[in-house]
Amino acid sequence: MKLLENDGIYPIVKELDLDRKFRFFWMKYVTDINLDKHCAAGLKGPYDKRISLYKNRGQTHWEDITLDQGESDLYYICGVAQPFNGKKISIVY
């Protein structure tokens, strides 16, 4: 993924390619966090409706998406690979 400035207003996802299969893939504009919740439920803020395998089944390539669907300085992109192997995940606190 490449991010470029858009005249200092909103960043742009210039190009995003998924080179493997994902069960879940989404992006959220993070405005606050709740450490009592896991994963997306702990990240407060709206989802980007365009960068989502749930909303856009089969899409694996995105270009020139202006990140303007929420007011945030923090963007969180999550992808859960398929097939999933939980033994290979490390969590560091």
N, C-alpha and C. Protein backbone atom coordinates (compact mmCIF):
# COMPACT_ATOMS: atom_id res chain seq x y z
N MET A 1 0.85 -1.17 0.00
CA MET A 1 0.00 0.00 0.00
C MET A 1 0.89 1.23 0.00
N LYS A 2 0.51 2.22 -0.76
CA LYS A 2 1.23 3.49 -0.82
C LYS A 2 0.25 4.59 -0.44
N LEU A 3 0.64 5.46 0.48
CA LEU A 3 -0.17 6.61 0.84
C LEU A 3 0.50 7.87 0.33
N LEU A 4 -0.26 8.73 -0.31
CA LEU A 4 0.24 10.01 -0.81
C LEU A 4 -0.64 11.12 -0.28
N GLU A 5 -0.05 12.27 -0.03
CA GLU A 5 -0.82 13.42 0.45
C GLU A 5 -1.68 13.98 -0.69
N ASN A 6 -2.85 14.45 -0.34
CA ASN A 6 -3.77 15.05 -1.28
C ASN A 6 -3.92 16.52 -0.92
N ASP A 7 -2.97 17.33 -1.31
CA ASP A 7 -2.97 18.76 -1.01
C ASP A 7 -3.09 19.02 0.49
N GLY A 8 -2.56 18.11 1.32
CA GLY A 8 -2.59 18.30 2.75
C GLY A 8 -3.94 18.09 3.40
N ILE A 9 -4.94 17.60 2.67
CA ILE A 9 -6.27 17.44 3.23
C ILE A 9 -6.50 15.99 3.66
N TYR A 10 -6.61 15.08 2.75
CA TYR A 10 -6.81 13.67 3.06
C TYR A 10 -5.76 12.83 2.36
N PRO A 11 -5.28 11.78 3.02
CA PRO A 11 -4.36 10.87 2.32
C PRO A 11 -5.11 10.06 1.26
N ILE A 12 -4.35 9.53 0.34
CA ILE A 12 -4.91 8.70 -0.74
C ILE A 12 -4.21 7.35 -0.71
N VAL A 13 -5.00 6.28 -0.77
CA VAL A 13 -4.44 4.97 -1.01
C VAL A 13 -4.21 4.89 -2.50
N LYS A 14 -2.96 4.99 -2.90
CA LYS A 14 -2.63 5.03 -4.31
C LYS A 14 -2.85 3.67 -4.97
N GLU A 15 -2.42 2.61 -4.28
CA GLU A 15 -2.59 1.27 -4.84
C GLU A 15 -2.53 0.26 -3.72
N LEU A 16 -3.46 -0.69 -3.74
CA LEU A 16 -3.51 -1.75 -2.74
C LEU A 16 -3.87 -3.04 -3.46
N ASP A 17 -2.97 -4.02 -3.39
CA ASP A 17 -3.18 -5.32 -4.03
C ASP A 17 -3.10 -6.41 -2.98
N LEU A 18 -4.07 -7.29 -2.96
CA LEU A 18 -4.02 -8.45 -2.08
C LEU A 18 -3.47 -9.61 -2.90
N ASP A 19 -2.31 -10.12 -2.47
CA ASP A 19 -1.67 -11.18 -3.25
C ASP A 19 -1.96 -12.57 -2.68
N ARG A 20 -2.89 -12.67 -1.73
CA ARG A 20 -3.33 -13.96 -1.22
C ARG A 20 -4.79 -13.85 -0.80
N LYS A 21 -5.38 -14.97 -0.45
CA LYS A 21 -6.79 -14.96 -0.07
C LYS A 21 -6.95 -14.53 1.39
N PHE A 22 -7.97 -13.72 1.61
CA PHE A 22 -8.31 -13.27 2.95
C PHE A 22 -9.75 -13.63 3.25
N ARG A 23 -9.98 -14.06 4.48
CA ARG A 23 -11.36 -14.30 4.92
C ARG A 23 -12.01 -12.97 5.27
N PHE A 24 -11.24 -12.10 5.93
CA PHE A 24 -11.71 -10.77 6.28
C PHE A 24 -10.66 -9.76 5.84
N PHE A 25 -11.08 -8.62 5.37
CA PHE A 25 -10.18 -7.52 5.03
C PHE A 25 -11.00 -6.24 5.10
N TRP A 26 -10.58 -5.30 5.96
CA TRP A 26 -11.35 -4.07 6.16
C TRP A 26 -10.44 -2.96 6.64
N MET A 27 -10.95 -1.73 6.58
CA MET A 27 -10.23 -0.56 7.08
C MET A 27 -11.17 0.28 7.92
N LYS A 28 -10.63 0.85 8.98
CA LYS A 28 -11.42 1.67 9.88
C LYS A 28 -10.68 2.98 10.16
N TYR A 29 -11.44 4.05 10.30
CA TYR A 29 -10.94 5.35 10.72
C TYR A 29 -11.01 5.36 12.25
N VAL A 30 -9.89 5.31 12.94
CA VAL A 30 -9.88 5.15 14.39
C VAL A 30 -9.91 6.51 15.06
N THR A 31 -10.95 6.71 15.89
CA THR A 31 -11.09 7.96 16.62
C THR A 31 -10.85 7.77 18.12
N ASP A 32 -10.94 6.52 18.60
CA ASP A 32 -10.72 6.21 20.01
C ASP A 32 -10.57 4.70 20.11
N ILE A 33 -10.11 4.22 21.27
CA ILE A 33 -9.98 2.78 21.47
C ILE A 33 -10.63 2.39 22.79
N ASN A 34 -11.06 1.13 22.86
CA ASN A 34 -11.61 0.54 24.06
C ASN A 34 -10.85 -0.77 24.27
N LEU A 35 -9.89 -0.78 25.19
CA LEU A 35 -9.04 -1.95 25.39
C LEU A 35 -9.78 -3.13 26.03
N ASP A 36 -11.02 -2.92 26.45
CA ASP A 36 -11.82 -4.02 26.99
C ASP A 36 -12.45 -4.86 25.89
N LYS A 37 -12.39 -4.39 24.65
CA LYS A 37 -12.99 -5.10 23.52
C LYS A 37 -11.89 -5.64 22.62
N HIS A 38 -12.20 -6.70 21.90
CA HIS A 38 -11.24 -7.34 21.00
C HIS A 38 -11.46 -6.90 19.55
N CYS A 39 -10.38 -6.75 18.83
CA CYS A 39 -10.39 -6.51 17.39
C CYS A 39 -11.19 -5.26 17.03
N ALA A 40 -12.02 -5.33 16.01
CA ALA A 40 -12.73 -4.15 15.49
C ALA A 40 -13.63 -3.50 16.53
N ALA A 41 -14.18 -4.29 17.45
CA ALA A 41 -15.07 -3.72 18.46
C ALA A 41 -14.33 -2.77 19.40
N GLY A 42 -13.03 -2.94 19.54
CA GLY A 42 -12.24 -2.06 20.39
C GLY A 42 -11.75 -0.81 19.70
N LEU A 43 -11.96 -0.72 18.40
CA LEU A 43 -11.56 0.46 17.64
C LEU A 43 -12.80 1.27 17.32
N LYS A 44 -12.91 2.44 17.91
CA LYS A 44 -14.07 3.29 17.66
C LYS A 44 -13.84 4.14 16.43
N GLY A 45 -14.86 4.28 15.63
CA GLY A 45 -14.78 5.06 14.40
C GLY A 45 -15.45 4.31 13.27
N PRO A 46 -15.69 5.00 12.15
CA PRO A 46 -16.39 4.37 11.03
C PRO A 46 -15.49 3.49 10.17
N TYR A 47 -16.09 2.50 9.54
CA TYR A 47 -15.40 1.69 8.54
C TYR A 47 -15.35 2.45 7.23
N ASP A 48 -14.33 2.19 6.42
CA ASP A 48 -14.34 2.68 5.05
C ASP A 48 -15.16 1.68 4.24
N LYS A 49 -16.20 2.14 3.60
CA LYS A 49 -17.12 1.26 2.88
C LYS A 49 -16.53 0.70 1.60
N ARG A 50 -15.43 1.28 1.13
CA ARG A 50 -14.85 0.82 -0.13
C ARG A 50 -13.79 -0.26 0.09
N ILE A 51 -12.97 -0.14 1.14
CA ILE A 51 -11.91 -1.11 1.39
C ILE A 51 -12.46 -2.17 2.33
N SER A 52 -13.13 -3.16 1.75
CA SER A 52 -13.79 -4.20 2.53
C SER A 52 -14.09 -5.38 1.64
N LEU A 53 -13.64 -6.56 2.04
CA LEU A 53 -14.03 -7.76 1.29
C LEU A 53 -15.48 -8.12 1.57
N TYR A 54 -15.98 -7.75 2.74
CA TYR A 54 -17.37 -8.04 3.08
C TYR A 54 -18.33 -7.27 2.17
N LYS A 55 -18.04 -6.00 1.97
CA LYS A 55 -18.89 -5.16 1.12
C LYS A 55 -18.63 -5.37 -0.36
N ASN A 56 -17.38 -5.70 -0.72
CA ASN A 56 -16.97 -5.81 -2.12
C ASN A 56 -16.40 -7.20 -2.38
N ARG A 57 -17.25 -8.19 -2.34
CA ARG A 57 -16.82 -9.58 -2.51
C ARG A 57 -15.99 -9.78 -3.77
N GLY A 58 -14.85 -10.43 -3.60
CA GLY A 58 -14.02 -10.76 -4.73
C GLY A 58 -13.03 -9.69 -5.14
N GLN A 59 -13.18 -8.48 -4.66
CA GLN A 59 -12.26 -7.41 -5.06
C GLN A 59 -10.92 -7.60 -4.36
N THR A 60 -9.83 -7.53 -5.11
CA THR A 60 -8.49 -7.70 -4.55
C THR A 60 -7.56 -6.55 -4.91
N HIS A 61 -8.07 -5.55 -5.60
CA HIS A 61 -7.24 -4.43 -6.05
C HIS A 61 -8.02 -3.13 -5.90
N TRP A 62 -7.37 -2.14 -5.31
CA TRP A 62 -7.96 -0.81 -5.15
C TRP A 62 -6.95 0.22 -5.63
N GLU A 63 -7.43 1.31 -6.20
CA GLU A 63 -6.57 2.40 -6.66
C GLU A 63 -7.22 3.74 -6.33
N ASP A 64 -6.36 4.69 -5.98
CA ASP A 64 -6.75 6.10 -5.82
C ASP A 64 -7.99 6.29 -4.96
N ILE A 65 -7.94 5.76 -3.73
CA ILE A 65 -9.05 5.94 -2.80
C ILE A 65 -8.67 7.04 -1.82
N THR A 66 -9.42 8.14 -1.85
CA THR A 66 -9.21 9.23 -0.91
C THR A 66 -9.84 8.83 0.42
N LEU A 67 -9.06 8.88 1.50
CA LEU A 67 -9.54 8.46 2.81
C LEU A 67 -10.32 9.59 3.46
N ASP A 68 -11.55 9.76 3.00
CA ASP A 68 -12.38 10.89 3.41
C ASP A 68 -13.72 10.47 4.00
N GLN A 69 -13.86 9.21 4.41
CA GLN A 69 -15.13 8.75 4.96
C GLN A 69 -15.19 8.88 6.48
N GLY A 70 -14.18 9.48 7.07
CA GLY A 70 -14.16 9.70 8.52
C GLY A 70 -13.05 10.67 8.86
N GLU A 71 -13.21 11.41 9.94
CA GLU A 71 -12.20 12.35 10.38
C GLU A 71 -11.29 11.65 11.38
N SER A 72 -10.06 11.35 10.97
CA SER A 72 -9.15 10.62 11.83
C SER A 72 -7.72 10.83 11.35
N ASP A 73 -6.79 10.76 12.28
CA ASP A 73 -5.37 10.76 11.93
C ASP A 73 -4.81 9.34 11.96
N LEU A 74 -5.64 8.37 12.33
CA LEU A 74 -5.20 6.99 12.44
C LEU A 74 -6.12 6.10 11.62
N TYR A 75 -5.52 5.28 10.76
CA TYR A 75 -6.27 4.36 9.90
C TYR A 75 -5.80 2.95 10.24
N TYR A 76 -6.74 2.03 10.41
CA TYR A 76 -6.39 0.66 10.76
C TYR A 76 -6.90 -0.27 9.67
N ILE A 77 -5.97 -1.01 9.07
CA ILE A 77 -6.32 -1.99 8.05
C ILE A 77 -6.06 -3.37 8.64
N CYS A 78 -7.06 -4.26 8.52
CA CYS A 78 -6.94 -5.60 9.09
C CYS A 78 -7.25 -6.62 8.00
N GLY A 79 -6.44 -7.66 7.95
CA GLY A 79 -6.69 -8.77 7.04
C GLY A 79 -6.47 -10.08 7.77
N VAL A 80 -7.43 -10.99 7.67
CA VAL A 80 -7.31 -12.32 8.26
C VAL A 80 -7.15 -13.28 7.09
N ALA A 81 -5.98 -13.91 7.03
CA ALA A 81 -5.65 -14.79 5.91
C ALA A 81 -6.51 -16.05 5.93
N GLN A 82 -6.66 -16.62 4.75
CA GLN A 82 -7.39 -17.87 4.60
C GLN A 82 -6.51 -18.83 3.81
N PRO A 83 -6.15 -20.00 4.30
CA PRO A 83 -6.61 -20.57 5.56
C PRO A 83 -5.92 -19.91 6.76
N PHE A 84 -6.65 -19.84 7.87
CA PHE A 84 -6.16 -19.23 9.10
C PHE A 84 -5.39 -20.26 9.91
N ASN A 85 -4.22 -19.85 10.44
CA ASN A 85 -3.43 -20.72 11.30
C ASN A 85 -3.08 -19.92 12.55
N GLY A 86 -3.84 -20.09 13.61
CA GLY A 86 -3.64 -19.34 14.84
C GLY A 86 -2.32 -19.62 15.53
N LYS A 87 -1.67 -20.73 15.23
CA LYS A 87 -0.40 -21.06 15.87
C LYS A 87 0.72 -20.13 15.42
N LYS A 88 0.55 -19.43 14.32
CA LYS A 88 1.59 -18.56 13.80
C LYS A 88 1.42 -17.11 14.25
N ILE A 89 0.45 -16.84 15.12
CA ILE A 89 0.20 -15.47 15.54
C ILE A 89 0.88 -15.21 16.87
N SER A 90 1.59 -14.10 16.95
CA SER A 90 2.21 -13.66 18.19
C SER A 90 1.58 -12.35 18.61
N ILE A 91 1.25 -12.25 19.89
CA ILE A 91 0.68 -11.01 20.42
C ILE A 91 1.66 -10.46 21.44
N VAL A 92 2.05 -9.22 21.28
CA VAL A 92 2.98 -8.57 22.18
C VAL A 92 2.27 -7.43 22.89
N TYR A 93 2.37 -7.38 24.20
CA TYR A 93 1.72 -6.32 24.97
C TYR A 93 2.76 -5.34 25.46
